Amino acid sequence: MNTAPAMAAPTAPARSQRRSLAPLEPVSPRTQWLLGLGFFILFFTVWGVFTLGGFVSPTFLASPVTMAREGWLLFTEFNFIHDIGMTVWRVFGGFVLATVIAVPLGIAMGAHKGIEAFLEPFVSFCRYLPASAFIPLLILWAGIGEMQKVLVIFIGSVFQILLMVAVSVGSARKDLVEAAYTLGAQPSGIVKRVLIPGAAPEIAEILRLVLGWAWTYVIVAELIGSSSGIGHMITDSQSLLNTGQIIFGIIVIGLIGLISDFAFKALNRRLFAWSSL
């Protein structure tokens, strides 16, 4: 007769804890917000301890208090809102121009293998070229005005969008294409009614990701020959060793990018709610 004690069944909290740690297990929106906010609180706490506690020289890293004070001065005395507006215009100008050109070409590449064979080697080659390498040429071609800065962001975005859209469209389900042909669809109808609708949610996600990359090019675009913009402010602050303004400018770029990312996500969920079902 087996006299070993029976193992107690796990309690509900224990099961819930194991479940929350399971791979790919979703968390509630409230938990997402709390966890995201918690990291920012932890980050600023550690930053404050090291700077306000005297562990790091203010010359190399300003404290959160100094950064906030310098940010207030930027808005009240140096018209920083104008710099923000110019930077946002440049980012979205270059990104929209890249989207208008790259999305149709990417769809054509993904849908037609002949076009893909013609364009893909050149696009793959250009995708690895840093946008900053084109600045000397762009200054010769477009001067040091706004077009030069928009083109830097355009070059940094267009080839990424083009290739990723082509891959998305080209990976469409073959059974849907064959079914459309069986129902009498023409090649142009396949593209309009099967390939584009099927790839639309992923294309929207691609654009969201590349918009984030576009923000990384804006500082490079504003380093040379610029009299306005967040990058121009950061460069001026660097020459004055004002790390408070430098950090504030970086944080502003991150906040604007985060807001645009959330807006893009919300728009994608609204337009393609069916894709998550």
C-alpha atoms as a PDB file:
ATOM      1  CA  MET A   1       0.000   0.000   0.000  1.00  0.00           C
ATOM      2  CA  ASN A   2       1.407   3.409  -1.051  1.00  0.00           C
ATOM      3  CA  THR A   3       1.567   5.667   2.010  1.00  0.00           C
ATOM      4  CA  ALA A   4       3.416   8.586   0.332  1.00  0.00           C
ATOM      5  CA  PRO A   5       1.626  11.868   0.961  1.00  0.00           C
ATOM      6  CA  ALA A   6      -0.301  13.225  -1.995  1.00  0.00           C
ATOM      7  CA  MET A   7       1.075  16.421  -3.504  1.00  0.00           C
ATOM      8  CA  ALA A   8      -1.146  19.411  -2.922  1.00  0.00           C
ATOM      9  CA  ALA A   9      -2.730  20.941  -5.984  1.00  0.00           C
ATOM     10  CA  PRO A  10      -1.266  24.321  -6.878  1.00  0.00           C
ATOM     11  CA  THR A  11      -3.258  27.239  -5.612  1.00  0.00           C
ATOM     12  CA  ALA A  12      -4.895  29.759  -7.924  1.00  0.00           C
ATOM     13  CA  PRO A  13      -2.279  32.506  -7.273  1.00  0.00           C
ATOM     14  CA  ALA A  14       0.533  30.031  -8.000  1.00  0.00           C
ATOM     15  CA  ARG A  15      -1.102  28.969 -11.255  1.00  0.00           C
ATOM     16  CA  SER A  16      -1.656  32.625 -12.195  1.00  0.00           C
ATOM     17  CA  GLN A  17       1.991  33.483 -11.476  1.00  0.00           C
ATOM     18  CA  ARG A  18       3.273  30.586 -13.602  1.00  0.00           C
ATOM     19  CA  ARG A  19       0.860  31.589 -16.344  1.00  0.00           C
ATOM     20  CA  SER A  20       2.057  35.204 -16.335  1.00  0.00           C
ATOM     21  CA  LEU A  21       5.654  34.027 -16.810  1.00  0.00           C
ATOM     22  CA  ALA A  22       4.780  31.686 -19.693  1.00  0.00           C
ATOM     23  CA  PRO A  23       6.341  32.537 -23.088  1.00  0.00           C
ATOM     24  CA  LEU A  24       4.128  34.665 -25.382  1.00  0.00           C
ATOM     25  CA  GLU A  25       1.488  35.016 -22.670  1.00  0.00           C
ATOM     26  CA  PRO A  26      -0.205  38.409 -23.174  1.00  0.00           C
ATOM     27  CA  VAL A  27      -0.597  40.922 -20.378  1.00  0.00           C
ATOM     28  CA  SER A  28      -3.443  43.347 -19.796  1.00  0.00           C
ATOM     29  CA  PRO A  29      -3.205  46.922 -21.171  1.00  0.00           C
ATOM     30  CA  ARG A  30      -3.126  48.247 -17.604  1.00  0.00           C
ATOM     31  CA  THR A  31      -0.155  46.007 -16.774  1.00  0.00           C
ATOM     32  CA  GLN A  32       1.624  47.134 -19.937  1.00  0.00           C
ATOM     33  CA  TRP A  33       1.280  50.778 -18.948  1.00  0.00           C
ATOM     34  CA  LEU A  34       2.410  50.126 -15.386  1.00  0.00           C
ATOM     35  CA  LEU A  35       5.455  48.137 -16.467  1.00  0.00           C
ATOM     36  CA  GLY A  36       6.440  50.725 -19.068  1.00  0.00           C
ATOM     37  CA  LEU A  37       6.015  53.571 -16.595  1.00  0.00           C
ATOM     38  CA  GLY A  38       7.927  51.597 -13.967  1.00  0.00           C
ATOM     39  CA  PHE A  39      10.989  51.351 -16.178  1.00  0.00           C
ATOM     40  CA  PHE A  40      11.022  55.111 -16.786  1.00  0.00           C
ATOM     41  CA  ILE A  41      10.744  55.732 -13.042  1.00  0.00           C
ATOM     42  CA  LEU A  42      13.623  53.330 -12.408  1.00  0.00           C
ATOM     43  CA  PHE A  43      15.725  54.939 -15.153  1.00  0.00           C
ATOM     44  CA  PHE A  44      15.283  58.485 -13.824  1.00  0.00           C
ATOM     45  CA  THR A  45      15.864  57.303 -10.249  1.00  0.00           C
ATOM     46  CA  VAL A  46      19.209  55.699 -11.123  1.00  0.00           C
ATOM     47  CA  TRP A  47      20.167  58.741 -13.198  1.00  0.00           C
ATOM     48  CA  GLY A  48      19.308  61.059 -10.291  1.00  0.00           C
ATOM     49  CA  VAL A  49      21.240  58.988  -7.767  1.00  0.00           C
ATOM     50  CA  PHE A  50      24.424  59.027  -9.849  1.00  0.00           C
ATOM     51  CA  THR A  51      24.280  62.713 -10.788  1.00  0.00           C
ATOM     52  CA  LEU A  52      22.754  64.361  -7.709  1.00  0.00           C
ATOM     53  CA  GLY A  53      24.835  62.089  -5.471  1.00  0.00           C
ATOM     54  CA  GLY A  54      28.070  63.405  -6.984  1.00  0.00           C
ATOM     55  CA  PHE A  55      29.169  60.120  -8.546  1.00  0.00           C
ATOM     56  CA  VAL A  56      29.341  61.711 -12.037  1.00  0.00           C
ATOM     57  CA  SER A  57      30.686  65.146 -12.928  1.00  0.00           C
ATOM     58  CA  PRO A  58      28.015  67.601 -14.200  1.00  0.00           C
ATOM     59  CA  THR A  59      30.376  68.393 -17.086  1.00  0.00           C
ATOM     60  CA  PHE A  60      29.815  64.906 -18.471  1.00  0.00           C
ATOM     61  CA  LEU A  61      26.246  64.220 -17.365  1.00  0.00           C
ATOM     62  CA  ALA A  62      23.708  66.748 -16.119  1.00  0.00           C
ATOM     63  CA  SER A  63      21.208  65.754 -13.455  1.00  0.00           C
ATOM     64  CA  PRO A  64      17.472  65.397 -14.220  1.00  0.00           C
ATOM     65  CA  VAL A  65      16.867  68.667 -12.350  1.00  0.00           C
ATOM     66  CA  THR A  66      19.453  70.534 -14.421  1.00  0.00           C
ATOM     67  CA  MET A  67      18.103  68.970 -17.603  1.00  0.00           C
ATOM     68  CA  ALA A  68      14.559  70.121 -16.782  1.00  0.00           C
ATOM     69  CA  ARG A  69      15.786  73.644 -15.975  1.00  0.00           C
ATOM     70  CA  GLU A  70      17.723  73.875 -19.238  1.00  0.00           C
ATOM     71  CA  GLY A  71      14.706  72.574 -21.135  1.00  0.00           C
ATOM     72  CA  TRP A  72      12.539  75.305 -19.649  1.00  0.00           C
ATOM     73  CA  LEU A  73      15.110  77.917 -20.728  1.00  0.00           C
ATOM     74  CA  LEU A  74      15.108  76.500 -24.253  1.00  0.00           C
ATOM     75  CA  PHE A  75      11.364  77.015 -24.541  1.00  0.00           C
ATOM     76  CA  THR A  76      11.163  80.394 -22.823  1.00  0.00           C
ATOM     77  CA  GLU A  77      14.318  82.104 -24.128  1.00  0.00           C
ATOM     78  CA  PHE A  78      15.518  80.298 -27.259  1.00  0.00           C
ATOM     79  CA  ASN A  79      12.284  79.558 -29.171  1.00  0.00           C
ATOM     80  CA  PHE A  80      12.845  75.798 -29.017  1.00  0.00           C
ATOM     81  CA  ILE A  81       9.302  75.138 -30.223  1.00  0.00           C
ATOM     82  CA  HIS A  82      10.408  76.447 -33.640  1.00  0.00           C
ATOM     83  CA  ASP A  83      13.305  73.974 -33.668  1.00  0.00           C
ATOM     84  CA  ILE A  84      10.913  71.138 -32.845  1.00  0.00           C
ATOM     85  CA  GLY A  85       8.553  72.182 -35.637  1.00  0.00           C
ATOM     86  CA  MET A  86      11.357  72.296 -38.208  1.00  0.00           C
ATOM     87  CA  THR A  87      12.645  68.871 -37.208  1.00  0.00           C
ATOM     88  CA  VAL A  88       9.182  67.304 -37.339  1.00  0.00           C
ATOM     89  CA  TRP A  89       8.595  68.840 -40.771  1.00  0.00           C
ATOM     90  CA  ARG A  90      11.874  67.456 -42.102  1.00  0.00           C
ATOM     91  CA  VAL A  91      11.267  63.961 -40.753  1.00  0.00           C
ATOM     92  CA  PHE A  92       7.732  63.665 -42.041  1.00  0.00           C
ATOM     93  CA  GLY A  93       8.597  65.380 -45.327  1.00  0.00           C
ATOM     94  CA  GLY A  94      11.350  62.880 -46.113  1.00  0.00           C
ATOM     95  CA  PHE A  95       9.317  59.946 -44.818  1.00  0.00           C
ATOM     96  CA  VAL A  96       6.176  60.806 -46.809  1.00  0.00           C
ATOM     97  CA  LEU A  97       8.239  61.310 -49.968  1.00  0.00           C
ATOM     98  CA  ALA A  98       9.890  57.930 -49.436  1.00  0.00           C
ATOM     99  CA  THR A  99       6.523  56.263 -48.791  1.00  0.00           C
ATOM    100  CA  VAL A 100       4.894  57.698 -51.929  1.00  0.00           C
ATOM    101  CA  ILE A 101       7.709  56.348 -54.097  1.00  0.00           C
ATOM    102  CA  ALA A 102       8.646  53.127 -52.299  1.00  0.00           C
ATOM    103  CA  VAL A 103       5.253  51.556 -51.573  1.00  0.00           C
ATOM    104  CA  PRO A 104       4.023  51.342 -55.209  1.00  0.00           C
ATOM    105  CA  LEU A 105       7.443  50.173 -56.400  1.00  0.00           C
ATOM    106  CA  GLY A 106       7.609  47.625 -53.579  1.00  0.00           C
ATOM    107  CA  ILE A 107       4.180  46.270 -54.496  1.00  0.00           C
ATOM    108  CA  ALA A 108       5.272  45.988 -58.136  1.00  0.00           C
ATOM    109  CA  MET A 109       8.479  44.177 -57.096  1.00  0.00           C
ATOM    110  CA  GLY A 110       6.623  41.757 -54.873  1.00  0.00           C
ATOM    111  CA  ALA A 111       3.894  41.037 -57.403  1.00  0.00           C
ATOM    112  CA  HIS A 112       6.003  40.683 -60.554  1.00  0.00           C
ATOM    113  CA  LYS A 113       9.173  38.608 -60.474  1.00  0.00           C
ATOM    114  CA  GLY A 114      10.580  40.301 -63.587  1.00  0.00           C
ATOM    115  CA  ILE A 115      10.462  43.716 -61.902  1.00  0.00           C
ATOM    116  CA  GLU A 116      11.958  42.180 -58.770  1.00  0.00           C
ATOM    117  CA  ALA A 117      14.845  40.678 -60.751  1.00  0.00           C
ATOM    118  CA  PHE A 118      15.469  44.067 -62.365  1.00  0.00           C
ATOM    119  CA  LEU A 119      15.355  46.233 -59.220  1.00  0.00           C
ATOM    120  CA  GLU A 120      16.247  43.986 -56.276  1.00  0.00           C
ATOM    121  CA  PRO A 121      20.063  43.905 -56.722  1.00  0.00           C
ATOM    122  CA  PHE A 122      20.255  47.719 -56.928  1.00  0.00           C
ATOM    123  CA  VAL A 123      17.860  48.222 -54.017  1.00  0.00           C
ATOM    124  CA  SER A 124      19.757  45.722 -51.854  1.00  0.00           C
ATOM    125  CA  PHE A 125      23.001  47.499 -52.721  1.00  0.00           C
ATOM    126  CA  CYS A 126      21.628  50.936 -51.806  1.00  0.00           C
ATOM    127  CA  ARG A 127      20.046  49.641 -48.601  1.00  0.00           C
ATOM    128  CA  TYR A 128      23.490  49.218 -47.045  1.00  0.00           C
ATOM    129  CA  LEU A 129      24.713  52.702 -47.934  1.00  0.00           C
ATOM    130  CA  PRO A 130      24.609  55.073 -44.935  1.00  0.00           C
ATOM    131  CA  ALA A 131      22.488  58.148 -45.580  1.00  0.00           C
ATOM    132  CA  SER A 132      25.193  60.338 -44.045  1.00  0.00           C
ATOM    133  CA  ALA A 133      27.584  59.369 -46.865  1.00  0.00           C
ATOM    134  CA  PHE A 134      25.356  61.237 -49.327  1.00  0.00           C
ATOM    135  CA  ILE A 135      25.508  64.564 -47.473  1.00  0.00           C
ATOM    136  CA  PRO A 136      28.454  66.014 -49.467  1.00  0.00           C
ATOM    137  CA  LEU A 137      26.727  65.154 -52.759  1.00  0.00           C
ATOM    138  CA  LEU A 138      23.364  66.436 -51.548  1.00  0.00           C
ATOM    139  CA  ILE A 139      24.934  69.740 -50.545  1.00  0.00           C
ATOM    140  CA  LEU A 140      26.341  70.075 -54.080  1.00  0.00           C
ATOM    141  CA  TRP A 141      23.010  69.121 -55.653  1.00  0.00           C
ATOM    142  CA  ALA A 142      20.506  70.809 -53.346  1.00  0.00           C
ATOM    143  CA  GLY A 143      22.569  73.301 -51.337  1.00  0.00           C
ATOM    144  CA  ILE A 144      22.246  73.567 -47.567  1.00  0.00           C
ATOM    145  CA  GLY A 145      18.543  74.398 -47.509  1.00  0.00           C
ATOM    146  CA  GLU A 146      15.586  72.317 -46.465  1.00  0.00           C
ATOM    147  CA  MET A 147      15.633  70.026 -49.500  1.00  0.00           C
ATOM    148  CA  GLN A 148      19.057  68.669 -48.562  1.00  0.00           C
ATOM    149  CA  LYS A 149      17.840  67.662 -45.116  1.00  0.00           C
ATOM    150  CA  VAL A 150      14.629  66.114 -46.441  1.00  0.00           C
ATOM    151  CA  LEU A 151      16.620  64.115 -48.996  1.00  0.00           C
ATOM    152  CA  VAL A 152      18.908  62.669 -46.296  1.00  0.00           C
ATOM    153  CA  ILE A 153      15.871  61.253 -44.515  1.00  0.00           C
ATOM    154  CA  PHE A 154      14.371  60.169 -47.844  1.00  0.00           C
ATOM    155  CA  ILE A 155      17.501  58.192 -48.797  1.00  0.00           C
ATOM    156  CA  GLY A 156      17.666  56.610 -45.372  1.00  0.00           C
ATOM    157  CA  SER A 157      14.047  55.422 -45.629  1.00  0.00           C
ATOM    158  CA  VAL A 158      13.124  54.724 -49.237  1.00  0.00           C
ATOM    159  CA  PHE A 159      15.211  51.614 -49.881  1.00  0.00           C
ATOM    160  CA  GLN A 160      14.227  50.025 -46.566  1.00  0.00           C
ATOM    161  CA  ILE A 161      10.519  50.522 -47.290  1.00  0.00           C
ATOM    162  CA  LEU A 162      10.857  49.323 -50.875  1.00  0.00           C
ATOM    163  CA  LEU A 163      12.516  46.018 -50.066  1.00  0.00           C
ATOM    164  CA  MET A 164      10.388  45.219 -47.023  1.00  0.00           C
ATOM    165  CA  VAL A 165       7.144  45.944 -48.898  1.00  0.00           C
ATOM    166  CA  ALA A 166       8.314  43.747 -51.772  1.00  0.00           C
ATOM    167  CA  VAL A 167       9.013  40.862 -49.393  1.00  0.00           C
ATOM    168  CA  SER A 168       5.624  41.312 -47.720  1.00  0.00           C
ATOM    169  CA  VAL A 169       3.679  41.328 -50.995  1.00  0.00           C
ATOM    170  CA  GLY A 170       5.721  38.474 -52.440  1.00  0.00           C
ATOM    171  CA  SER A 171       4.976  36.215 -49.470  1.00  0.00           C
ATOM    172  CA  ALA A 172       1.227  36.169 -50.179  1.00  0.00           C
ATOM    173  CA  ARG A 173      -0.561  32.850 -49.811  1.00  0.00           C
ATOM    174  CA  LYS A 174      -0.431  30.991 -53.110  1.00  0.00           C
ATOM    175  CA  ASP A 175      -3.726  29.216 -52.474  1.00  0.00           C
ATOM    176  CA  LEU A 176      -5.554  32.568 -52.385  1.00  0.00           C
ATOM    177  CA  VAL A 177      -3.948  33.580 -55.676  1.00  0.00           C
ATOM    178  CA  GLU A 178      -4.898  30.272 -57.310  1.00  0.00           C
ATOM    179  CA  ALA A 179      -8.423  30.550 -55.977  1.00  0.00           C
ATOM    180  CA  ALA A 180      -8.740  34.040 -57.471  1.00  0.00           C
ATOM    181  CA  TYR A 181      -7.545  32.758 -60.846  1.00  0.00           C
ATOM    182  CA  THR A 182     -10.052  29.928 -60.620  1.00  0.00           C
ATOM    183  CA  LEU A 183     -12.825  32.465 -60.087  1.00  0.00           C
ATOM    184  CA  GLY A 184     -11.764  34.300 -63.244  1.00  0.00           C
ATOM    185  CA  ALA A 185      -9.607  37.114 -61.884  1.00  0.00           C
ATOM    186  CA  GLN A 186      -7.161  38.855 -64.219  1.00  0.00           C
ATOM    187  CA  PRO A 187      -3.518  39.575 -63.231  1.00  0.00           C
ATOM    188  CA  SER A 188      -4.329  43.205 -62.391  1.00  0.00           C
ATOM    189  CA  GLY A 189      -7.245  42.008 -60.282  1.00  0.00           C
ATOM    190  CA  ILE A 190      -4.960  39.624 -58.393  1.00  0.00           C
ATOM    191  CA  VAL A 191      -2.783  42.556 -57.374  1.00  0.00           C
ATOM    192  CA  LYS A 192      -5.681  44.837 -56.419  1.00  0.00           C
ATOM    193  CA  ARG A 193      -7.970  42.314 -54.731  1.00  0.00           C
ATOM    194  CA  VAL A 194      -5.606  39.696 -53.281  1.00  0.00           C
ATOM    195  CA  LEU A 195      -2.006  40.856 -52.894  1.00  0.00           C
ATOM    196  CA  ILE A 196      -2.531  44.447 -51.725  1.00  0.00           C
ATOM    197  CA  PRO A 197      -5.369  43.747 -49.235  1.00  0.00           C
ATOM    198  CA  GLY A 198      -3.488  40.744 -47.851  1.00  0.00           C
ATOM    199  CA  ALA A 199      -0.256  42.676 -47.364  1.00  0.00           C
ATOM    200  CA  ALA A 200      -1.823  45.990 -46.240  1.00  0.00           C
ATOM    201  CA  PRO A 201      -1.592  45.371 -42.449  1.00  0.00           C
ATOM    202  CA  GLU A 202       2.047  44.330 -42.730  1.00  0.00           C
ATOM    203  CA  ILE A 203       2.843  47.294 -44.993  1.00  0.00           C
ATOM    204  CA  ALA A 204       1.342  49.617 -42.391  1.00  0.00           C
ATOM    205  CA  GLU A 205       3.537  47.996 -39.730  1.00  0.00           C
ATOM    206  CA  ILE A 206       6.583  48.388 -41.988  1.00  0.00           C
ATOM    207  CA  LEU A 207       5.863  52.098 -42.343  1.00  0.00           C
ATOM    208  CA  ARG A 208       5.586  52.430 -38.572  1.00  0.00           C
ATOM    209  CA  LEU A 209       8.981  50.810 -38.085  1.00  0.00           C
ATOM    210  CA  VAL A 210      10.714  52.832 -40.796  1.00  0.00           C
ATOM    211  CA  LEU A 211       9.279  56.068 -39.399  1.00  0.00           C
ATOM    212  CA  GLY A 212      11.216  55.236 -36.242  1.00  0.00           C
ATOM    213  CA  TRP A 213      14.365  54.803 -38.312  1.00  0.00           C
ATOM    214  CA  ALA A 214      13.719  58.127 -40.054  1.00  0.00           C
ATOM    215  CA  TRP A 215      14.010  59.877 -36.693  1.00  0.00           C
ATOM    216  CA  THR A 216      17.541  58.490 -36.333  1.00  0.00           C
ATOM    217  CA  TYR A 217      18.608  60.275 -39.530  1.00  0.00           C
ATOM    218  CA  VAL A 218      17.329  63.715 -38.591  1.00  0.00           C
ATOM    219  CA  ILE A 219      20.289  64.613 -36.366  1.00  0.00           C
ATOM    220  CA  VAL A 220      22.679  63.702 -39.179  1.00  0.00           C
ATOM    221  CA  ALA A 221      20.618  65.796 -41.592  1.00  0.00           C
ATOM    222  CA  GLU A 222      20.776  68.817 -39.264  1.00  0.00           C
ATOM    223  CA  LEU A 223      24.469  68.638 -38.410  1.00  0.00           C
ATOM    224  CA  ILE A 224      25.700  70.557 -41.465  1.00  0.00           C
ATOM    225  CA  GLY A 225      24.495  73.920 -42.683  1.00  0.00           C
ATOM    226  CA  SER A 226      21.478  74.091 -40.413  1.00  0.00           C
ATOM    227  CA  SER A 227      20.332  77.128 -38.454  1.00  0.00           C
ATOM    228  CA  SER A 228      17.310  75.461 -36.837  1.00  0.00           C
ATOM    229  CA  GLY A 229      16.113  72.088 -35.618  1.00  0.00           C
ATOM    230  CA  ILE A 230      16.737  69.882 -32.617  1.00  0.00           C
ATOM    231  CA  GLY A 231      19.983  68.592 -34.114  1.00  0.00           C
ATOM    232  CA  HIS A 232      21.236  72.152 -34.576  1.00  0.00           C
ATOM    233  CA  MET A 233      20.440  72.896 -30.916  1.00  0.00           C
ATOM    234  CA  ILE A 234      22.253  69.761 -29.773  1.00  0.00           C
ATOM    235  CA  THR A 235      25.335  70.692 -31.816  1.00  0.00           C
ATOM    236  CA  ASP A 236      25.400  74.207 -30.355  1.00  0.00           C
ATOM    237  CA  SER A 237      24.964  72.823 -26.832  1.00  0.00           C
ATOM    238  CA  GLN A 238      27.845  70.403 -27.374  1.00  0.00           C
ATOM    239  CA  SER A 239      30.192  73.287 -28.198  1.00  0.00           C
ATOM    240  CA  LEU A 240      29.158  74.921 -24.912  1.00  0.00           C
ATOM    241  CA  LEU A 241      29.473  71.666 -22.913  1.00  0.00           C
ATOM    242  CA  ASN A 242      25.835  72.067 -21.896  1.00  0.00           C
ATOM    243  CA  THR A 243      24.909  68.433 -21.314  1.00  0.00           C
ATOM    244  CA  GLY A 244      21.542  69.442 -19.846  1.00  0.00           C
ATOM    245  CA  GLN A 245      20.360  70.855 -23.168  1.00  0.00           C
ATOM    246  CA  ILE A 246      21.875  67.953 -25.105  1.00  0.00           C
ATOM    247  CA  ILE A 247      20.015  65.401 -22.997  1.00  0.00           C
ATOM    248  CA  PHE A 248      16.800  67.426 -23.160  1.00  0.00           C
ATOM    249  CA  GLY A 249      16.999  67.511 -26.968  1.00  0.00           C
ATOM    250  CA  ILE A 250      17.545  63.753 -27.123  1.00  0.00           C
ATOM    251  CA  ILE A 251      14.596  63.147 -24.790  1.00  0.00           C
ATOM    252  CA  VAL A 252      12.351  65.429 -26.879  1.00  0.00           C
ATOM    253  CA  ILE A 253      13.197  63.424 -30.008  1.00  0.00           C
ATOM    254  CA  GLY A 254      12.388  60.218 -28.137  1.00  0.00           C
ATOM    255  CA  LEU A 255       9.075  61.594 -26.866  1.00  0.00           C
ATOM    256  CA  ILE A 256       7.979  62.802 -30.309  1.00  0.00           C
ATOM    257  CA  GLY A 257       8.957  59.463 -31.806  1.00  0.00           C
ATOM    258  CA  LEU A 258       7.068  57.617 -29.075  1.00  0.00           C
ATOM    259  CA  ILE A 259       3.930  59.697 -29.635  1.00  0.00           C
ATOM    260  CA  SER A 260       4.081  59.145 -33.400  1.00  0.00           C
ATOM    261  CA  ASP A 261       4.613  55.430 -32.824  1.00  0.00           C
ATOM    262  CA  PHE A 262       1.545  55.165 -30.573  1.00  0.00           C
ATOM    263  CA  ALA A 263      -0.488  57.170 -33.097  1.00  0.00           C
ATOM    264  CA  PHE A 264       0.627  54.858 -35.904  1.00  0.00           C
ATOM    265  CA  LYS A 265      -0.281  51.799 -33.843  1.00  0.00           C
ATOM    266  CA  ALA A 266      -3.725  53.169 -33.030  1.00  0.00           C
ATOM    267  CA  LEU A 267      -4.352  54.018 -36.687  1.00  0.00           C
ATOM    268  CA  ASN A 268      -3.236  50.572 -37.818  1.00  0.00           C
ATOM    269  CA  ARG A 269      -5.509  48.875 -35.278  1.00  0.00           C
ATOM    270  CA  ARG A 270      -8.418  50.993 -36.480  1.00  0.00           C
ATOM    271  CA  LEU A 271      -7.803  50.422 -40.183  1.00  0.00           C
ATOM    272  CA  PHE A 272      -6.930  46.738 -39.967  1.00  0.00           C
ATOM    273  CA  ALA A 273      -8.823  45.504 -36.925  1.00  0.00           C
ATOM    274  CA  TRP A 274      -9.697  42.335 -38.821  1.00  0.00           C
ATOM    275  CA  SER A 275      -6.032  41.341 -39.161  1.00  0.00           C
ATOM    276  CA  SER A 276      -5.704  40.656 -35.401  1.00  0.00           C
ATOM    277  CA  LEU A 277      -8.777  38.436 -35.220  1.00  0.00           C
END
